[in-house]
Amino acid sequence: MGWLSLVITLLLEQLRPLPAANPVYGAVRQISGWAERNLNAGRRRHGAYAWLLVVVGLTLVVGAAYAVAASISVVLGLAVNVAVLFFALGFRQFSHRGTEIQIALANGDLNAARRELTAWKQLRDPSFTAADLSQDEVVRQAIEHGLLLAQRHVFGVFFWFLVLPGPMGAVLYRLAEHVARVWERPPSAATPPDRFGEFASKAFAWIDWIPARLTSLGFAIVGDFEGAIYCWRQVARQAPAAGLPTPDSRTLILAAASGALGLRLMPTTEAARHFDEVGNEGAGLADPGVPALRSVVGLVWRSILLWLALLLALTLAGWFA
């Protein structure tokens, strides 16, 4: 049922992408905002209580609904799976911005590409602006943002959907990502440190640990395997962070995609820190041009098809075992 649910959802999402502004996302934002307003006393343990209430609580509610539906009918259970996945899974609901950036740059309209990138990234970072970025940096940041969205909306959801019963894993992953992002508070010298979002950030970092590595492995298999593994090994040498996996998901995914495509997808200073070695400065990675946008889309879709084919093989093997 898992493979069929994923395929049906991907087909539905291709036909009719879910708008970013929809009642389900709005309800999740209201619930997470309510929990922060009422439980945030600036301590880490309060963030842990809120995380258990929002993430684990809503995951169990969805799991109970699925269990009831599946006990009534297999078809009804499949329908619940697809309905939940439709809101948790899907890259098309955001990827149109990447397409618009590609079209604008192909037409030589850098200002339009900057506006599209600004609108795209402001959905997550309201302070972001691309007004002063060069064309190469617009392309690089569009690729970086698109790859991270693919992880958050496709590959991470894939993994946890298959690990937990019914659609519980998909809900757990997406809610954990959401609260880790919206409860994060940058430190301020003017106020006492707010540690409310600390637990959510660390929890999601560990929840995303295995999916990020499987995503990176997929990029290596469908791209330049040696290049991806080399870049993976380079970033794996970074100093460990207290209580967090090393390298973090963002760094690992960008490194693997860089090696798989032979392109520098990290900021210049970050890429130099990881990849510059005597006699091999930059690891031979080229700066991404406009055609790189299409190459990255191809990499993502080849990886999706790879994991769907592997899941289908495992499903068939289970049937005939």
Protein backbone atom coordinates (compact mmCIF):
# COMPACT_ATOMS: atom_id res chain seq x y z
CA MET A 1 0.00 0.00 0.00
CA GLY A 2 2.93 2.33 0.70
CA TRP A 3 4.27 2.29 -2.87
CA LEU A 4 0.80 2.73 -4.37
CA SER A 5 0.02 5.62 -2.02
CA LEU A 6 3.22 7.42 -3.01
CA VAL A 7 2.67 6.95 -6.74
CA ILE A 8 -0.96 8.11 -6.61
CA THR A 9 0.01 11.17 -4.57
CA LEU A 10 2.86 12.12 -6.91
CA LEU A 11 0.54 11.83 -9.91
CA LEU A 12 -2.16 13.92 -8.22
CA GLU A 13 0.40 16.52 -7.24
CA GLN A 14 1.67 16.76 -10.81
CA LEU A 15 -1.87 17.30 -12.08
CA ARG A 16 -2.93 19.77 -9.38
CA PRO A 17 -0.20 21.12 -7.09
CA LEU A 18 -1.29 22.06 -3.60
CA PRO A 19 -1.25 25.85 -3.03
CA ALA A 20 1.13 27.02 -0.31
CA ALA A 21 -1.82 28.93 1.21
CA ASN A 22 -4.30 26.23 2.22
CA PRO A 23 -6.42 25.53 5.33
CA VAL A 24 -4.30 22.62 6.58
CA TYR A 25 -1.05 24.60 6.57
CA GLY A 26 -2.91 27.51 8.14
CA ALA A 27 -4.23 25.28 10.93
CA VAL A 28 -0.74 23.91 11.62
CA ARG A 29 0.65 27.44 11.86
CA GLN A 30 -2.11 28.42 14.29
CA ILE A 31 -1.51 25.36 16.49
CA SER A 32 2.26 25.83 16.61
CA GLY A 33 1.81 29.55 17.27
CA TRP A 34 -0.66 28.84 20.08
CA ALA A 35 1.77 26.37 21.67
CA GLU A 36 4.61 28.88 21.52
CA ARG A 37 2.53 31.73 22.96
CA ASN A 38 1.20 29.65 25.84
CA LEU A 39 4.15 27.39 26.69
CA ASN A 40 7.21 29.50 25.94
CA ALA A 41 8.88 30.58 29.16
CA GLY A 42 12.31 30.70 27.56
CA ARG A 43 13.47 27.32 28.86
CA ARG A 44 14.50 24.30 26.82
CA ARG A 45 12.16 21.96 28.70
CA HIS A 46 9.15 24.10 27.81
CA GLY A 47 10.06 23.70 24.15
CA ALA A 48 10.25 19.93 24.69
CA TYR A 49 6.76 19.89 26.23
CA ALA A 50 5.40 21.93 23.33
CA TRP A 51 7.13 19.64 20.81
CA LEU A 52 5.57 16.55 22.36
CA LEU A 53 2.16 18.20 22.39
CA VAL A 54 2.23 19.48 18.80
CA VAL A 55 4.38 16.99 16.90
CA VAL A 56 3.75 13.75 18.75
CA GLY A 57 0.17 14.64 19.65
CA LEU A 58 -0.94 15.46 16.10
CA THR A 59 0.97 12.47 14.72
CA LEU A 60 -0.94 10.14 17.06
CA VAL A 61 -4.26 11.75 16.11
CA VAL A 62 -3.57 11.12 12.41
CA GLY A 63 -2.41 7.58 13.20
CA ALA A 64 -5.64 6.85 15.07
CA ALA A 65 -7.72 8.20 12.17
CA TYR A 66 -5.81 5.99 9.75
CA ALA A 67 -6.21 2.92 11.97
CA VAL A 68 -9.98 3.43 12.11
CA ALA A 69 -10.19 3.95 8.33
CA ALA A 70 -8.01 0.89 7.57
CA SER A 71 -10.11 -1.29 9.90
CA ILE A 72 -13.23 -0.37 7.91
CA SER A 73 -11.79 -0.84 4.43
CA VAL A 74 -8.42 -1.19 2.72
CA VAL A 75 -9.57 1.32 0.13
CA LEU A 76 -10.54 3.81 2.84
CA GLY A 77 -7.14 3.34 4.47
CA LEU A 78 -5.49 4.01 1.10
CA ALA A 79 -7.60 7.15 0.70
CA VAL A 80 -6.46 8.47 4.09
CA ASN A 81 -2.85 7.71 3.18
CA VAL A 82 -3.13 9.63 -0.08
CA ALA A 83 -5.01 12.54 1.50
CA VAL A 84 -2.37 13.01 4.21
CA LEU A 85 0.51 12.55 1.77
CA PHE A 86 -1.00 15.14 -0.56
CA PHE A 87 -0.50 17.77 2.14
CA ALA A 88 2.84 16.42 3.38
CA LEU A 89 4.51 15.49 0.10
CA GLY A 90 5.13 17.46 -3.03
CA PHE A 91 7.73 19.62 -4.67
CA ARG A 92 5.49 21.13 -7.35
CA GLN A 93 3.77 23.45 -4.88
CA PHE A 94 7.04 25.40 -4.59
CA SER A 95 9.05 24.51 -7.70
CA HIS A 96 7.17 26.90 -10.00
CA ARG A 97 9.35 29.67 -8.56
CA GLY A 98 12.42 27.84 -9.80
CA THR A 99 10.85 27.51 -13.24
CA GLU A 100 10.07 31.24 -13.32
CA ILE A 101 13.67 32.05 -12.34
CA GLN A 102 14.95 29.81 -15.13
CA ILE A 103 12.66 31.46 -17.70
CA ALA A 104 13.60 34.97 -16.56
CA LEU A 105 17.32 34.26 -16.79
CA ALA A 106 16.94 32.57 -20.17
CA ASN A 107 15.28 35.79 -21.37
CA GLY A 108 18.08 37.91 -19.92
CA ASP A 109 15.82 39.50 -17.29
CA LEU A 110 17.98 39.39 -14.16
CA ASN A 111 15.71 41.74 -12.20
CA ALA A 112 12.72 39.46 -12.72
CA ALA A 113 14.79 36.48 -11.56
CA ARG A 114 15.82 38.42 -8.45
CA ARG A 115 12.17 39.21 -7.68
CA GLU A 116 11.16 35.56 -8.06
CA LEU A 117 14.01 34.38 -5.83
CA THR A 118 13.11 36.99 -3.22
CA ALA A 119 9.44 35.93 -3.21
CA TRP A 120 10.46 32.25 -3.06
CA LYS A 121 12.85 32.54 -0.12
CA GLN A 122 10.76 35.07 1.80
CA LEU A 123 8.21 32.30 2.38
CA ARG A 124 10.72 31.01 4.93
CA ASP A 125 12.90 34.05 5.61
CA PRO A 126 10.87 37.29 5.45
CA SER A 127 14.04 39.41 5.70
CA PHE A 128 15.68 37.93 2.59
CA THR A 129 16.24 40.02 -0.53
CA ALA A 130 18.03 39.15 -3.76
CA ALA A 131 18.12 42.74 -5.03
CA ASP A 132 21.93 42.95 -5.14
CA LEU A 133 22.80 39.39 -6.17
CA SER A 134 24.73 38.61 -9.34
CA GLN A 135 23.27 36.24 -11.92
CA ASP A 136 25.54 33.38 -10.81
CA GLU A 137 24.54 33.87 -7.18
CA VAL A 138 20.83 33.99 -8.10
CA VAL A 139 21.26 30.64 -9.85
CA ARG A 140 23.24 29.15 -6.97
CA GLN A 141 20.78 30.26 -4.30
CA ALA A 142 17.80 29.07 -6.36
CA ILE A 143 19.45 25.65 -6.66
CA GLU A 144 20.33 25.51 -2.97
CA HIS A 145 16.80 26.46 -1.93
CA GLY A 146 15.23 24.01 -4.37
CA LEU A 147 17.39 21.11 -3.17
CA LEU A 148 16.56 21.76 0.47
CA LEU A 149 12.84 21.97 -0.34
CA ALA A 150 13.13 18.66 -2.19
CA GLN A 151 14.57 17.12 0.97
CA ARG A 152 11.89 18.63 3.22
CA HIS A 153 8.93 17.90 0.93
CA VAL A 154 9.94 14.71 -0.87
CA PHE A 155 12.85 12.59 0.32
CA GLY A 156 12.46 13.09 4.07
CA VAL A 157 8.73 12.45 3.81
CA PHE A 158 9.41 9.31 1.73
CA PHE A 159 11.63 7.81 4.41
CA TRP A 160 9.47 8.45 7.45
CA PHE A 161 6.28 7.48 5.62
CA LEU A 162 7.79 4.04 5.08
CA VAL A 163 9.15 3.71 8.62
CA LEU A 164 6.02 4.41 10.70
CA PRO A 165 2.52 2.88 10.25
CA GLY A 166 0.18 4.56 7.79
CA PRO A 167 0.83 8.26 7.21
CA MET A 168 2.21 8.86 10.73
CA GLY A 169 5.81 9.16 9.56
CA ALA A 170 4.98 11.78 6.94
CA VAL A 171 3.13 13.86 9.55
CA LEU A 172 5.91 13.47 12.11
CA TYR A 173 8.58 14.63 9.67
CA ARG A 174 6.70 17.63 8.30
CA LEU A 175 5.57 18.82 11.73
CA ALA A 176 9.07 18.41 13.17
CA GLU A 177 10.49 20.47 10.30
CA HIS A 178 7.83 23.14 10.73
CA VAL A 179 8.26 23.72 14.45
CA ALA A 180 12.06 23.58 14.20
CA ARG A 181 11.84 26.44 11.71
CA VAL A 182 9.16 28.65 13.27
CA TRP A 183 10.27 28.22 16.90
CA GLU A 184 13.89 29.08 16.13
CA ARG A 185 14.92 32.38 17.71
CA PRO A 186 18.21 34.09 16.84
CA PRO A 187 20.21 35.10 19.92
CA SER A 188 19.93 38.73 20.99
CA ALA A 189 22.31 40.57 23.28
CA ALA A 190 19.48 42.80 24.52
CA THR A 191 17.35 40.00 26.00
CA PRO A 192 17.98 36.77 27.92
CA PRO A 193 18.53 33.79 25.61
CA ASP A 194 15.29 32.12 24.50
CA ARG A 195 15.91 28.37 24.45
CA PHE A 196 12.32 27.41 23.61
CA GLY A 197 13.17 26.29 20.07
CA GLU A 198 16.39 24.48 20.98
CA PHE A 199 14.78 21.07 21.51
CA ALA A 200 12.80 21.31 18.26
CA SER A 201 15.94 22.18 16.27
CA LYS A 202 17.95 19.30 17.69
CA ALA A 203 15.06 16.86 17.37
CA PHE A 204 14.63 17.64 13.68
CA ALA A 205 18.37 17.45 13.06
CA TRP A 206 18.34 13.86 14.30
CA ILE A 207 15.04 13.00 12.60
CA ASP A 208 16.57 14.16 9.31
CA TRP A 209 19.89 12.33 9.87
CA ILE A 210 19.09 9.11 8.00
CA PRO A 211 16.90 10.69 5.27
CA ALA A 212 19.62 13.24 4.41
CA ARG A 213 22.18 10.48 3.99
CA LEU A 214 19.85 8.40 1.84
CA THR A 215 19.12 11.48 -0.29
CA SER A 216 22.85 12.10 -0.70
CA LEU A 217 23.40 8.45 -1.61
CA GLY A 218 20.64 8.71 -4.21
CA PHE A 219 22.30 11.77 -5.74
CA ALA A 220 25.57 9.86 -5.91
CA ILE A 221 23.96 6.86 -7.63
CA VAL A 222 22.11 8.85 -10.31
CA GLY A 223 24.92 11.42 -10.77
CA ASP A 224 28.71 11.34 -10.66
CA PHE A 225 29.25 8.75 -7.94
CA GLU A 226 32.94 9.40 -7.34
CA GLY A 227 32.47 13.16 -7.24
CA ALA A 228 29.55 12.94 -4.82
CA ILE A 229 31.38 10.57 -2.45
CA TYR A 230 34.49 12.73 -2.54
CA CYS A 231 32.53 15.85 -1.58
CA TRP A 232 30.66 13.85 1.08
CA ARG A 233 33.97 12.78 2.63
CA GLN A 234 35.27 16.34 2.57
CA VAL A 235 32.35 17.80 4.53
CA ALA A 236 32.35 14.84 6.92
CA ARG A 237 35.70 16.09 8.27
CA GLN A 238 34.17 19.20 9.86
CA ALA A 239 34.32 19.56 13.64
CA PRO A 240 31.32 18.03 15.45
CA ALA A 241 28.71 20.34 16.95
CA ALA A 242 27.51 19.80 20.50
CA GLY A 243 24.53 17.48 20.49
CA LEU A 244 24.03 17.71 16.71
CA PRO A 245 24.86 15.32 13.86
CA THR A 246 27.85 16.18 11.69
CA PRO A 247 27.72 17.14 8.92
CA ASP A 248 24.28 18.73 9.13
CA SER A 249 21.66 17.81 6.54
CA ARG A 250 22.00 21.02 4.53
CA THR A 251 25.77 20.75 4.20
CA LEU A 252 25.69 17.08 3.30
CA ILE A 253 22.95 17.39 0.66
CA LEU A 254 24.60 20.38 -1.02
CA ALA A 255 27.97 18.64 -0.97
CA ALA A 256 26.62 15.42 -2.48
CA ALA A 257 24.66 17.31 -5.15
CA SER A 258 27.74 19.42 -5.92
CA GLY A 259 29.84 16.34 -6.53
CA ALA A 260 27.07 14.55 -8.43
CA LEU A 261 26.73 17.46 -10.87
CA GLY A 262 30.28 18.86 -10.75
CA LEU A 263 28.96 22.26 -9.67
CA ARG A 264 29.70 24.54 -6.71
CA LEU A 265 26.37 24.76 -4.91
CA MET A 266 27.66 26.15 -1.60
CA PRO A 267 28.58 29.80 -0.97
CA THR A 268 32.13 30.56 -2.10
CA THR A 269 33.65 30.83 1.37
CA GLU A 270 31.90 27.68 2.60
CA ALA A 271 32.97 25.69 -0.46
CA ALA A 272 36.56 26.89 -0.02
CA ARG A 273 36.58 25.79 3.62
CA HIS A 274 35.46 22.28 2.76
CA PHE A 275 36.97 21.60 -0.64
CA ASP A 276 40.13 23.68 -1.13
CA GLU A 277 43.22 21.50 -1.00
CA VAL A 278 46.68 22.03 -2.39
CA GLY A 279 46.59 20.98 -6.01
CA ASN A 280 42.81 20.49 -5.99
CA GLU A 281 41.37 23.91 -5.17
CA GLY A 282 37.59 23.90 -5.36
CA ALA A 283 37.52 20.12 -5.98
CA GLY A 284 37.15 20.87 -9.69
CA LEU A 285 33.61 22.20 -9.20
CA ALA A 286 32.38 24.73 -11.77
CA ASP A 287 30.24 27.74 -10.95
CA PRO A 288 26.59 26.99 -11.79
CA GLY A 289 25.18 28.73 -14.85
CA VAL A 290 21.58 28.99 -16.00
CA PRO A 291 21.56 25.43 -17.52
CA ALA A 292 22.40 24.09 -14.04
CA LEU A 293 18.80 24.76 -12.94
CA ARG A 294 17.56 22.14 -15.37
CA SER A 295 20.35 19.75 -14.38
CA VAL A 296 19.32 19.92 -10.73
CA VAL A 297 15.67 19.21 -11.57
CA GLY A 298 16.82 16.16 -13.52
CA LEU A 299 18.96 15.00 -10.60
CA VAL A 300 16.03 15.25 -8.19
CA TRP A 301 13.62 13.39 -10.47
CA ARG A 302 16.13 10.64 -11.25
CA SER A 303 16.61 10.16 -7.52
CA ILE A 304 12.84 10.03 -6.92
CA LEU A 305 12.47 7.36 -9.61
CA LEU A 306 15.39 5.42 -8.14
CA TRP A 307 13.79 5.18 -4.70
CA LEU A 308 10.35 4.40 -6.15
CA ALA A 309 11.87 1.57 -8.21
CA LEU A 310 13.69 0.21 -5.15
CA LEU A 311 10.52 0.38 -3.07
CA LEU A 312 8.55 -1.39 -5.80
CA ALA A 313 11.15 -4.17 -5.93
CA LEU A 314 10.98 -4.61 -2.15
CA THR A 315 7.17 -4.60 -2.27
CA LEU A 316 7.09 -7.28 -4.99
CA ALA A 317 9.67 -9.34 -3.15
CA GLY A 318 7.46 -9.24 -0.05
CA TRP A 319 4.44 -10.38 -2.03
CA PHE A 320 6.22 -13.36 -3.62
CA ALA A 321 8.30 -14.36 -0.62
